[in-house]
Protein backbone atom coordinates (compact mmCIF):
# COMPACT_ATOMS: atom_id res chain seq x y z
CA MET A 1 -0.22 -24.83 5.78
CA GLN A 2 -2.59 -22.46 5.52
CA LYS A 3 -1.86 -20.64 9.07
CA SER A 4 1.67 -20.14 7.34
CA ILE A 5 0.31 -18.56 4.46
CA ILE A 6 -2.33 -16.17 6.65
CA PRO A 7 0.94 -14.02 8.51
CA SER A 8 2.51 -13.86 4.89
CA LEU A 9 -0.59 -12.04 3.58
CA PHE A 10 -1.40 -10.32 6.58
CA LEU A 11 2.12 -8.70 6.45
CA ILE A 12 1.68 -7.53 3.22
CA ARG A 13 -1.52 -6.15 3.68
CA ARG A 14 -0.58 -4.36 6.79
CA ASN A 15 2.96 -2.74 5.11
CA LEU A 16 0.64 -1.94 2.01
CA PHE A 17 -2.18 -0.06 4.42
CA LEU A 18 0.63 1.96 6.18
CA PHE A 19 1.82 2.86 3.00
CA LEU A 20 -1.47 4.03 1.38
CA PHE A 21 -2.36 5.68 5.00
CA LEU A 22 0.75 7.46 5.43
CA THR A 23 0.79 8.79 1.50
CA ILE A 24 -3.29 9.40 1.01
CA ALA A 25 -5.06 9.75 4.65
CA SER A 26 -1.77 11.05 6.89
CA SER A 27 -3.51 14.60 7.12
CA ILE A 28 -6.48 12.85 9.30
CA LEU A 29 -4.00 13.25 12.11
CA ALA A 30 -2.89 16.61 12.27
CA GLN A 31 -4.86 19.53 12.76
CA GLY A 32 -5.03 23.14 11.26
CA SER A 33 -6.23 24.73 8.04
CA GLY A 34 -4.19 22.83 5.28
CA ASN A 35 -2.85 19.69 4.92
CA LYS A 36 -0.34 18.85 1.90
CA TYR A 37 -1.61 15.72 -0.40
CA ALA A 38 -5.06 15.43 1.31
CA GLY A 39 -6.43 15.36 -2.23
CA GLU A 40 -3.90 13.68 -4.29
CA PHE A 41 -6.20 10.99 -5.37
CA LEU A 42 -7.47 13.32 -7.15
CA ALA A 43 -3.89 14.24 -9.43
CA ILE A 44 -3.39 10.68 -10.43
CA GLY A 45 -5.37 10.89 -13.49
CA VAL A 46 -7.76 8.88 -15.48
CA GLY A 47 -8.16 7.36 -18.91
CA GLY A 48 -5.59 5.18 -20.85
CA ARG A 49 -4.92 7.71 -23.71
CA PRO A 50 -4.08 10.59 -21.55
CA LEU A 51 -2.01 8.66 -18.91
CA GLY A 52 0.16 6.74 -21.86
CA MET A 53 0.96 10.18 -22.35
CA GLY A 54 2.18 11.03 -18.94
CA GLY A 55 -0.82 13.21 -17.99
CA ALA A 56 -0.27 16.08 -20.82
CA TYR A 57 -3.75 16.22 -21.54
CA VAL A 58 -5.59 19.62 -20.23
CA SER A 59 -5.59 20.55 -24.07
CA LEU A 60 -5.95 17.72 -26.04
CA VAL A 61 -8.89 16.34 -24.27
CA SER A 62 -11.91 16.13 -26.32
CA ASP A 63 -14.16 13.13 -24.82
CA VAL A 64 -16.04 12.17 -21.96
CA THR A 65 -12.99 12.04 -19.95
CA ALA A 66 -13.20 15.64 -19.77
CA GLY A 67 -15.55 16.06 -16.57
CA TYR A 68 -11.72 15.17 -15.16
CA TRP A 69 -9.20 16.48 -17.20
CA ASN A 70 -10.85 19.90 -18.37
CA PRO A 71 -14.65 20.75 -17.72
CA GLY A 72 -14.42 23.21 -20.44
CA ALA A 73 -13.79 20.53 -23.05
CA LEU A 74 -17.15 18.45 -22.57
CA ALA A 75 -18.80 20.57 -24.94
CA ARG A 76 -16.79 19.73 -27.61
CA LEU A 77 -18.63 16.36 -27.35
CA ASN A 78 -21.43 15.72 -30.30
CA TYR A 79 -22.39 12.41 -29.41
CA PRO A 80 -23.40 10.58 -25.78
CA GLN A 81 -20.43 8.56 -24.94
CA PHE A 82 -19.51 6.45 -21.43
CA SER A 83 -16.22 5.54 -20.68
CA LEU A 84 -14.83 3.09 -17.92
CA MET A 85 -11.41 2.57 -16.60
CA HIS A 86 -9.19 0.18 -14.24
CA ASP A 87 -6.25 -0.22 -13.02
CA GLU A 88 -4.60 -2.08 -10.36
CA ARG A 89 -1.08 -1.10 -8.37
CA PHE A 90 1.10 -2.21 -5.81
CA GLY A 91 1.00 -6.13 -6.69
CA ASN A 92 -2.99 -5.85 -7.59
CA LEU A 93 -3.57 -4.62 -3.78
CA VAL A 94 -4.57 -1.26 -4.98
CA ASN A 95 -7.45 -0.65 -6.76
CA TYR A 96 -8.45 2.00 -8.70
CA ASP A 97 -11.38 2.89 -10.85
CA TYR A 98 -13.12 5.24 -13.05
CA GLY A 99 -16.24 5.55 -15.34
CA SER A 100 -18.20 8.34 -16.64
CA VAL A 101 -20.75 9.17 -19.02
CA ALA A 102 -21.99 12.58 -20.93
CA LEU A 103 -24.18 13.57 -23.29
CA PRO A 104 -24.43 16.85 -25.41
CA TRP A 105 -27.05 19.23 -24.15
CA GLY A 106 -29.02 22.04 -26.75
CA LYS A 107 -26.98 23.23 -29.71
CA ASN A 108 -23.91 24.31 -27.43
CA ALA A 109 -23.74 22.50 -24.30
CA SER A 110 -22.73 19.07 -22.44
CA LEU A 111 -23.55 17.42 -19.31
CA GLY A 112 -21.15 14.88 -17.64
CA LEU A 113 -21.07 12.91 -14.25
CA SER A 114 -18.34 10.72 -13.56
CA VAL A 115 -17.03 8.34 -10.45
CA ILE A 116 -13.57 7.62 -9.10
CA ARG A 117 -12.63 5.32 -6.69
CA LEU A 118 -9.41 4.53 -4.89
CA GLY A 119 -9.03 1.72 -2.29
CA VAL A 120 -7.59 -1.01 -0.58
CA ASP A 121 -9.92 -3.51 0.42
CA ASP A 122 -10.10 -6.65 3.02
CA VAL A 123 -7.25 -4.62 5.40
CA PRO A 124 -6.87 -7.03 8.61
CA ASN A 125 -7.64 -5.17 11.71
CA THR A 126 -5.93 -7.63 14.03
CA LYS A 127 -6.17 -5.03 17.23
CA ASN A 128 -8.13 -7.63 19.23
CA ALA A 129 -6.37 -10.67 17.66
CA TRP A 130 -2.83 -11.09 19.75
CA ARG A 131 -2.92 -12.83 22.78
CA ASP A 132 -0.14 -12.02 25.17
CA LEU A 133 0.05 -15.00 26.92
CA ASN A 134 2.84 -14.05 28.87
CA ASN A 135 1.53 -10.89 29.99
CA ASN A 136 4.95 -8.81 29.11
CA GLY A 137 3.42 -6.33 26.50
CA TYR A 138 5.31 -8.05 24.06
CA PHE A 139 4.77 -10.30 20.65
CA ASP A 140 7.26 -13.30 21.82
CA GLN A 141 7.09 -16.61 21.41
CA GLY A 142 4.73 -17.54 24.10
CA ASP A 143 2.28 -15.47 22.50
CA ARG A 144 0.14 -16.19 19.55
CA ILE A 145 -2.51 -14.65 17.12
CA ASP A 146 -6.08 -15.69 17.73
CA TYR A 147 -7.04 -15.23 13.80
CA SER A 148 -11.10 -15.75 14.78
CA ALA A 149 -10.60 -12.24 15.82
CA ILE A 150 -9.53 -10.94 12.87
CA THR A 151 -11.67 -8.23 10.74
CA PHE A 152 -11.48 -6.94 7.72
CA PHE A 153 -12.15 -3.19 6.51
CA ASN A 154 -11.77 -1.04 4.05
CA ALA A 155 -9.87 2.07 3.06
CA ALA A 156 -11.45 3.79 0.41
CA ASP A 157 -11.43 7.18 -1.58
CA TRP A 158 -14.65 7.94 -3.68
CA ALA A 159 -15.26 11.09 -5.82
CA PHE A 160 -18.31 11.63 -7.49
CA ILE A 161 -18.44 14.70 -10.03
CA ALA A 162 -20.76 16.47 -12.01
CA THR A 163 -19.57 18.53 -15.02
CA TYR A 164 -21.57 21.63 -17.49
CA SER A 165 -19.69 22.64 -20.13
CA LYS A 166 -20.88 25.22 -22.77
CA ALA A 167 -19.11 26.72 -25.83
CA ALA A 168 -18.85 30.04 -26.22
CA ASN A 169 -18.18 30.27 -30.02
CA GLU A 170 -16.35 27.42 -32.30
CA LYS A 171 -12.94 28.56 -30.68
CA LEU A 172 -13.36 28.58 -27.10
CA SER A 173 -15.31 26.78 -24.19
CA TYR A 174 -15.58 26.22 -20.79
CA GLY A 175 -17.06 24.91 -17.82
CA VAL A 176 -17.69 23.43 -14.34
CA ASN A 177 -17.13 20.72 -11.99
CA LEU A 178 -19.12 19.96 -8.71
CA LYS A 179 -17.58 17.29 -7.05
CA VAL A 180 -18.99 15.32 -4.02
CA ILE A 181 -15.75 13.82 -1.69
CA SER A 182 -16.08 10.77 0.64
CA ARG A 183 -12.68 9.12 2.30
CA SER A 184 -13.02 6.36 4.51
CA ILE A 185 -10.43 4.32 6.79
CA ASP A 186 -12.34 1.71 9.20
CA ASN A 187 -14.64 3.40 11.20
CA GLY A 188 -13.48 7.10 10.02
CA ASN A 189 -14.93 9.01 6.97
CA ALA A 190 -15.47 12.40 5.78
CA TRP A 191 -17.31 14.38 3.29
CA GLY A 192 -16.62 17.13 1.30
CA ILE A 193 -17.68 19.37 -1.71
CA GLY A 194 -15.72 21.02 -4.07
CA PHE A 195 -15.46 23.00 -7.63
CA ASP A 196 -13.46 23.07 -10.50
CA VAL A 197 -13.94 25.80 -13.64
CA GLY A 198 -11.65 24.74 -17.05
CA ALA A 199 -11.75 26.69 -20.14
CA ILE A 200 -10.26 25.43 -24.14
CA TYR A 201 -9.03 27.38 -26.81
CA ASN A 202 -8.28 26.56 -30.24
CA VAL A 203 -5.25 28.97 -31.47
CA SER A 204 -5.65 27.48 -34.79
CA PRO A 205 -7.28 24.09 -35.53
CA LYS A 206 -4.02 22.59 -35.02
CA PHE A 207 -2.96 24.19 -31.78
CA ARG A 208 -4.79 24.64 -28.60
CA VAL A 209 -4.52 25.34 -25.02
CA GLY A 210 -6.05 24.70 -21.74
CA ALA A 211 -6.45 25.36 -18.22
CA ASN A 212 -7.80 23.43 -15.32
CA LEU A 213 -8.21 25.37 -11.80
CA MET A 214 -9.24 22.58 -9.61
CA ASP A 215 -10.54 22.68 -5.91
CA VAL A 216 -10.54 26.73 -6.89
CA THR A 217 -12.89 27.39 -4.07
CA THR A 218 -10.34 25.21 -1.37
CA THR A 219 -12.29 21.62 -0.55
CA LEU A 220 -12.81 21.33 2.73
CA LEU A 221 -13.12 17.65 4.50
CA ALA A 222 -14.93 17.19 7.14
CA TRP A 223 -14.37 14.02 9.18
CA ASN A 224 -16.48 12.58 11.63
CA THR A 225 -13.83 12.56 14.10
CA GLY A 226 -14.11 16.40 14.30
CA ARG A 227 -10.96 17.19 12.44
CA LYS A 228 -10.97 18.75 9.21
CA GLU A 229 -8.64 18.71 6.07
CA LEU A 230 -8.43 21.34 3.42
CA ILE A 231 -7.86 20.21 -0.64
CA THR A 232 -6.06 23.51 -2.09
CA PRO A 233 -6.53 24.96 -5.25
CA THR A 234 -4.50 22.82 -8.50
CA ALA A 235 -3.84 25.12 -11.47
CA LYS A 236 -2.95 22.58 -14.59
CA ILE A 237 -2.16 24.64 -17.68
CA GLY A 238 -1.08 23.06 -20.82
CA GLY A 239 -0.65 22.88 -24.53
CA SER A 240 -0.68 20.63 -27.81
CA TYR A 241 -0.57 20.64 -31.29
CA ASP A 242 -0.89 18.58 -34.46
CA ILE A 243 2.11 18.07 -36.80
CA PRO A 244 1.16 16.31 -39.88
CA PHE A 245 2.95 13.32 -40.64
CA PHE A 246 3.02 11.89 -44.60
CA LYS A 247 -0.45 12.23 -45.77
CA THR A 248 -1.80 9.00 -43.22
CA GLY A 249 -0.76 10.44 -39.87
CA ARG A 250 -0.23 12.96 -37.46
CA ILE A 251 2.27 13.40 -34.35
CA THR A 252 1.36 15.34 -31.60
CA PRO A 253 3.52 16.83 -28.98
CA ALA A 254 1.76 17.88 -25.42
CA VAL A 255 3.16 19.78 -22.43
CA ASP A 256 1.10 20.56 -19.08
CA PHE A 257 2.06 21.96 -16.13
CA ASP A 258 0.20 21.44 -12.55
CA VAL A 259 0.54 24.50 -10.35
CA ARG A 260 0.24 24.22 -6.46
CA PHE A 261 -0.13 26.15 -3.60
CA GLU A 262 0.86 23.67 -0.73
CA ASN A 263 4.75 24.74 -0.31
CA ARG A 264 6.02 21.51 -1.52
CA LYS A 265 9.36 22.36 -1.65
CA PHE A 266 10.80 18.83 -2.03
CA ALA A 267 8.39 16.99 -3.72
CA SER A 268 8.28 19.09 -7.13
CA LEU A 269 9.90 20.19 -10.21
CA ALA A 270 10.79 23.40 -9.02
CA ASN A 271 9.17 25.78 -6.53
CA ILE A 272 8.91 29.77 -5.74
CA GLY A 273 8.22 29.80 -2.21
CA PRO A 274 4.85 28.08 -1.35
CA VAL A 275 3.76 27.92 -5.08
CA SER A 276 5.37 24.91 -6.63
CA PHE A 277 5.18 23.31 -10.20
CA ASP A 278 5.36 20.16 -12.09
CA MET A 279 5.69 19.00 -15.47
CA HIS A 280 3.70 16.55 -17.91
CA ALA A 281 5.07 15.74 -21.37
CA GLY A 282 3.51 13.64 -23.79
CA LEU A 283 3.81 12.54 -27.66
CA GLU A 284 1.40 10.86 -29.40
CA TYR A 285 1.36 9.26 -33.27
CA GLY A 286 -1.71 8.81 -34.78
CA PHE A 287 -2.42 6.73 -38.32
CA LYS A 288 -5.43 7.22 -40.25
CA ASP A 289 -7.62 7.99 -36.94
CA LEU A 290 -7.44 3.62 -36.31
CA PHE A 291 -4.45 3.21 -34.03
CA ALA A 292 -2.22 5.55 -32.25
CA LEU A 293 0.99 4.57 -30.08
CA ARG A 294 2.58 7.57 -26.93
CA VAL A 295 4.97 7.70 -24.39
CA GLY A 296 5.28 10.33 -22.24
CA TYR A 297 6.63 11.20 -18.84
CA ASN A 298 4.94 12.72 -15.85
CA ASP A 299 4.65 14.49 -12.55
CA VAL A 300 6.44 11.14 -10.22
CA LYS A 301 8.94 10.85 -12.70
CA GLN A 302 7.90 8.31 -14.65
CA LEU A 303 8.09 7.21 -18.07
CA THR A 304 4.32 5.91 -19.75
CA PHE A 305 3.82 4.10 -22.69
CA GLY A 306 0.46 3.69 -24.61
CA ALA A 307 -1.23 2.54 -27.29
CA GLY A 308 -4.89 2.68 -28.52
CA ILE A 309 -7.26 1.39 -31.60
CA LYS A 310 -10.28 2.86 -32.89
CA LEU A 311 -13.36 0.41 -33.74
CA PRO A 312 -16.52 1.51 -34.90
CA LYS A 313 -18.28 3.06 -31.87
CA LEU A 314 -15.53 1.87 -29.71
CA ASN A 315 -11.92 2.78 -28.55
CA LEU A 316 -9.61 1.02 -26.60
CA ASP A 317 -6.53 2.53 -24.76
CA TYR A 318 -3.47 0.76 -22.89
CA SER A 319 -0.86 2.53 -20.65
CA PHE A 320 1.93 1.51 -18.91
CA ALA A 321 3.91 2.63 -15.68
CA LYS A 322 6.86 1.12 -14.32
CA PHE A 323 7.91 2.05 -10.49
CA ASP A 324 11.77 2.71 -10.80
CA GLY A 325 13.36 1.36 -7.98
CA SER A 326 11.85 -1.12 -6.53
CA ASP A 327 10.51 -4.33 -7.90
CA GLN A 328 8.27 -4.98 -4.78
CA LEU A 329 5.60 -2.16 -6.21
CA GLY A 330 5.10 -4.00 -9.40
CA ASN A 331 4.15 -2.09 -12.79
CA THR A 332 0.96 -0.62 -13.56
CA HIS A 333 -0.81 -1.29 -16.27
CA ARG A 334 -4.26 0.66 -17.44
CA ILE A 335 -7.20 -0.45 -19.56
CA SER A 336 -9.99 1.89 -20.81
CA VAL A 337 -12.90 1.93 -23.40
CA THR A 338 -15.00 4.10 -24.25
CA PHE A 339 -18.20 4.01 -26.22
CA THR A 340 -19.72 6.64 -28.32
CA LEU A 341 -23.22 6.60 -29.29
CA ASP A 342 -22.31 7.30 -33.01
CA ASP A 343 -25.60 7.15 -34.62
CA GLU A 344 -27.40 10.35 -36.09
CA LYS A 345 -30.38 10.07 -33.57
CA PHE A 346 -28.08 10.74 -30.74
CA LYS A 347 -25.61 13.51 -32.35
CA ARG A 348 -26.53 17.22 -31.10
CA LYS A 349 -28.70 18.99 -32.51
CA ASP A 350 -27.96 22.69 -34.43
CA LYS A 351 -31.42 24.19 -33.46
């Protein structure tokens, strides 16, 4: 019974690993100065609230997740914050995790640190497990798998993000990220350093615009195999607006556009030559700053939903997305928590 379970589990994990390899790390096999989708794991997004709104968050962010969405907005933090998120994909075989911390620094700046990991763990390596008893070079009924010779490895992408943000005045703030990226597949691994710059501007108390230029200098990933890949810049630009809803609530529509320079002619909403455009759209209803309901549409054509509850010092957010056209891929559930040290002794000092 145990042996019949192991082959099926092996096939599932093998197929999933091949999918991940092709979509996230196929550029390992490519030479040249640039590779499409080299930094795709950095485009997934973080936090239950923004992902419930389809990722339309570059102008709306005002919490610790600004270290990812828009480093310019982190300066608007007035208390230290911590955030954690967990996301399981493709039948719980792909784990996506995020954690961050940020604190006010002086009267108009903030510092932050974020960590992102996307990985498939315990991938079976069977290259030494096949016993070709017939010596015919094919796997047939006369052959077998030596389960004791199967080894396991992890395929994982990591990003470590340090953020500095400063408020120029009450309307404008800006910031910069220093990113250290690590990628590994079995014995292959790569390291790279990149930079993001972002800004957010309040046109009015209800209307905001923001921009985040990710990998603005182009990020080079150098593999221990000697191969190299480049993460090209992505510009995230968006706006959001608060609409009062009766006396107790508000409705906030938000729209973002991702502008890429990877010649994505067929995997984007629109393109002009090598420049492609993708849209994120979201809508949030908030009631008395106590709870919120959200709906969105993201760049991979997913309809998303979400909800959030605000408790003393603690925010709980949930988002849901469905992969259309294939029940085998499963749905995506994201849960995030944000803890605020909402105490006078931790509040930003005016002087």
